[in-house]
Amino acid sequence: MFGSRNSRGESVTCIACGESILRSEAREYDKHGDRWDRRDKTFEHLCKACFAELCQQPRDGLETTLDAAGAGEADQETFLKRFRELSEGDARRE
């Protein structure tokens, strides 16, 4: 179900920095965004440092921004427009 266990010693290349690392030390990246459907799929990989830098976004204020944008209340188009405006405003203040 979860793939072959004999890939532990396999070497993979980080798609961000090009470093060659052990598969067991890498983080899987699914460019299709559906990492749970593993059938007939190959994954790209990130080293731990690139994964932390590129994939772990700060969440400070996220819930407040979602609420202010109308999450769960506004239609999708309105919500996305508001969320983008609020997020861009936060980026300008930094």
C-alpha atoms as a PDB file:
ATOM      1  CA  MET A   1       0.000   0.000   0.000  1.00  0.00           C
ATOM      2  CA  PHE A   2       2.755   2.471   0.877  1.00  0.00           C
ATOM      3  CA  GLY A   3       5.337   1.369  -1.662  1.00  0.00           C
ATOM      4  CA  SER A   4       8.523  -0.602  -1.442  1.00  0.00           C
ATOM      5  CA  ARG A   5      10.556  -0.584   1.766  1.00  0.00           C
ATOM      6  CA  ASN A   6      13.773  -1.302  -0.147  1.00  0.00           C
ATOM      7  CA  SER A   7      14.036   2.337  -1.262  1.00  0.00           C
ATOM      8  CA  ARG A   8      15.584   3.428   2.079  1.00  0.00           C
ATOM      9  CA  GLY A   9      19.142   3.470   0.698  1.00  0.00           C
ATOM     10  CA  GLU A  10      18.059   5.065  -2.571  1.00  0.00           C
ATOM     11  CA  SER A  11      19.437   8.500  -3.417  1.00  0.00           C
ATOM     12  CA  VAL A  12      17.175  11.303  -4.699  1.00  0.00           C
ATOM     13  CA  THR A  13      17.797  14.864  -5.857  1.00  0.00           C
ATOM     14  CA  CYS A  14      16.230  17.906  -4.213  1.00  0.00           C
ATOM     15  CA  ILE A  15      14.222  19.771  -6.869  1.00  0.00           C
ATOM     16  CA  ALA A  16      15.007  23.123  -5.234  1.00  0.00           C
ATOM     17  CA  CYS A  17      18.768  23.059  -4.594  1.00  0.00           C
ATOM     18  CA  GLY A  18      19.940  20.025  -6.577  1.00  0.00           C
ATOM     19  CA  GLU A  19      21.546  18.322  -3.575  1.00  0.00           C
ATOM     20  CA  SER A  20      21.684  14.529  -3.680  1.00  0.00           C
ATOM     21  CA  ILE A  21      20.288  13.051  -0.467  1.00  0.00           C
ATOM     22  CA  LEU A  22      19.115   9.704   0.852  1.00  0.00           C
ATOM     23  CA  ARG A  23      15.465   9.038   0.056  1.00  0.00           C
ATOM     24  CA  SER A  24      14.825   8.374   3.749  1.00  0.00           C
ATOM     25  CA  GLU A  25      16.102  11.890   4.578  1.00  0.00           C
ATOM     26  CA  ALA A  26      13.988  13.635   1.919  1.00  0.00           C
ATOM     27  CA  ARG A  27      10.471  15.041   1.937  1.00  0.00           C
ATOM     28  CA  GLU A  28       8.085  13.983  -0.816  1.00  0.00           C
ATOM     29  CA  TYR A  29       6.638  16.716  -2.999  1.00  0.00           C
ATOM     30  CA  ASP A  30       3.592  16.043  -5.156  1.00  0.00           C
ATOM     31  CA  LYS A  31       3.256  18.727  -7.807  1.00  0.00           C
ATOM     32  CA  HIS A  32      -0.364  17.675  -8.310  1.00  0.00           C
ATOM     33  CA  GLY A  33      -1.213  18.340  -4.664  1.00  0.00           C
ATOM     34  CA  ASP A  34      -2.706  14.916  -4.013  1.00  0.00           C
ATOM     35  CA  ARG A  35      -0.076  13.076  -1.986  1.00  0.00           C
ATOM     36  CA  TRP A  36      -2.591  10.570  -0.581  1.00  0.00           C
ATOM     37  CA  ASP A  37      -3.432   8.965  -3.922  1.00  0.00           C
ATOM     38  CA  ARG A  38      -0.182   7.075  -4.464  1.00  0.00           C
ATOM     39  CA  ARG A  39      -1.242   4.653  -7.208  1.00  0.00           C
ATOM     40  CA  ASP A  40       0.984   4.842 -10.327  1.00  0.00           C
ATOM     41  CA  LYS A  41       2.609   8.023  -9.082  1.00  0.00           C
ATOM     42  CA  THR A  42       6.201   9.158  -8.770  1.00  0.00           C
ATOM     43  CA  PHE A  43       7.102  11.923  -6.365  1.00  0.00           C
ATOM     44  CA  GLU A  44       9.690  14.648  -6.567  1.00  0.00           C
ATOM     45  CA  HIS A  45      11.742  15.337  -3.453  1.00  0.00           C
ATOM     46  CA  LEU A  46      12.972  18.216  -1.319  1.00  0.00           C
ATOM     47  CA  CYS A  47      15.788  18.148   1.219  1.00  0.00           C
ATOM     48  CA  LYS A  48      14.724  19.067   4.756  1.00  0.00           C
ATOM     49  CA  ALA A  49      16.221  22.579   4.564  1.00  0.00           C
ATOM     50  CA  CYS A  50      14.443  23.461   1.292  1.00  0.00           C
ATOM     51  CA  PHE A  51      11.196  21.912   2.523  1.00  0.00           C
ATOM     52  CA  ALA A  52      11.297  24.068   5.669  1.00  0.00           C
ATOM     53  CA  GLU A  53      12.076  27.212   3.669  1.00  0.00           C
ATOM     54  CA  LEU A  54       9.638  26.696   0.798  1.00  0.00           C
ATOM     55  CA  CYS A  55       6.710  24.730   2.184  1.00  0.00           C
ATOM     56  CA  GLN A  56       6.250  25.884   5.749  1.00  0.00           C
ATOM     57  CA  GLN A  57       4.443  29.197   5.524  1.00  0.00           C
ATOM     58  CA  PRO A  58       3.878  31.363   8.585  1.00  0.00           C
ATOM     59  CA  ARG A  59       0.387  31.103  10.042  1.00  0.00           C
ATOM     60  CA  ASP A  60       0.447  34.179  12.265  1.00  0.00           C
ATOM     61  CA  GLY A  61      -2.836  35.993  11.724  1.00  0.00           C
ATOM     62  CA  LEU A  62      -4.157  33.463   9.207  1.00  0.00           C
ATOM     63  CA  GLU A  63      -7.370  32.728  11.105  1.00  0.00           C
ATOM     64  CA  THR A  64      -8.057  36.456  11.529  1.00  0.00           C
ATOM     65  CA  THR A  65      -7.490  37.073   7.818  1.00  0.00           C
ATOM     66  CA  LEU A  66      -9.732  34.152   6.826  1.00  0.00           C
ATOM     67  CA  ASP A  67     -12.488  35.458   9.092  1.00  0.00           C
ATOM     68  CA  ALA A  68     -12.129  39.028   7.786  1.00  0.00           C
ATOM     69  CA  ALA A  69     -12.303  37.755   4.192  1.00  0.00           C
ATOM     70  CA  GLY A  70     -15.590  35.984   4.906  1.00  0.00           C
ATOM     71  CA  ALA A  71     -14.490  32.336   4.959  1.00  0.00           C
ATOM     72  CA  GLY A  72     -17.536  30.083   5.073  1.00  0.00           C
ATOM     73  CA  GLU A  73     -19.915  32.991   4.549  1.00  0.00           C
ATOM     74  CA  ALA A  74     -19.011  34.814   1.323  1.00  0.00           C
ATOM     75  CA  ASP A  75     -19.191  33.187  -2.107  1.00  0.00           C
ATOM     76  CA  GLN A  76     -15.858  31.869  -3.403  1.00  0.00           C
ATOM     77  CA  GLU A  77     -15.123  34.755  -5.781  1.00  0.00           C
ATOM     78  CA  THR A  78     -15.783  37.393  -3.124  1.00  0.00           C
ATOM     79  CA  PHE A  79     -13.819  35.488  -0.488  1.00  0.00           C
ATOM     80  CA  LEU A  80     -10.783  35.036  -2.746  1.00  0.00           C
ATOM     81  CA  LYS A  81     -10.812  38.709  -3.760  1.00  0.00           C
ATOM     82  CA  ARG A  82     -11.001  39.849  -0.125  1.00  0.00           C
ATOM     83  CA  PHE A  83      -8.383  37.346   1.028  1.00  0.00           C
ATOM     84  CA  ARG A  84      -5.966  38.474  -1.685  1.00  0.00           C
ATOM     85  CA  GLU A  85      -6.486  42.142  -0.832  1.00  0.00           C
ATOM     86  CA  LEU A  86      -5.969  41.503   2.873  1.00  0.00           C
ATOM     87  CA  SER A  87      -2.902  39.315   2.272  1.00  0.00           C
ATOM     88  CA  GLU A  88      -1.303  41.840  -0.055  1.00  0.00           C
ATOM     89  CA  GLY A  89      -1.911  44.551   2.532  1.00  0.00           C
ATOM     90  CA  ASP A  90      -0.108  42.439   5.154  1.00  0.00           C
ATOM     91  CA  ALA A  91       2.841  41.903   2.792  1.00  0.00           C
ATOM     92  CA  ARG A  92       3.193  45.652   2.179  1.00  0.00           C
ATOM     93  CA  ARG A  93       3.398  46.342   5.923  1.00  0.00           C
ATOM     94  CA  GLU A  94       6.363  43.975   6.444  1.00  0.00           C
END
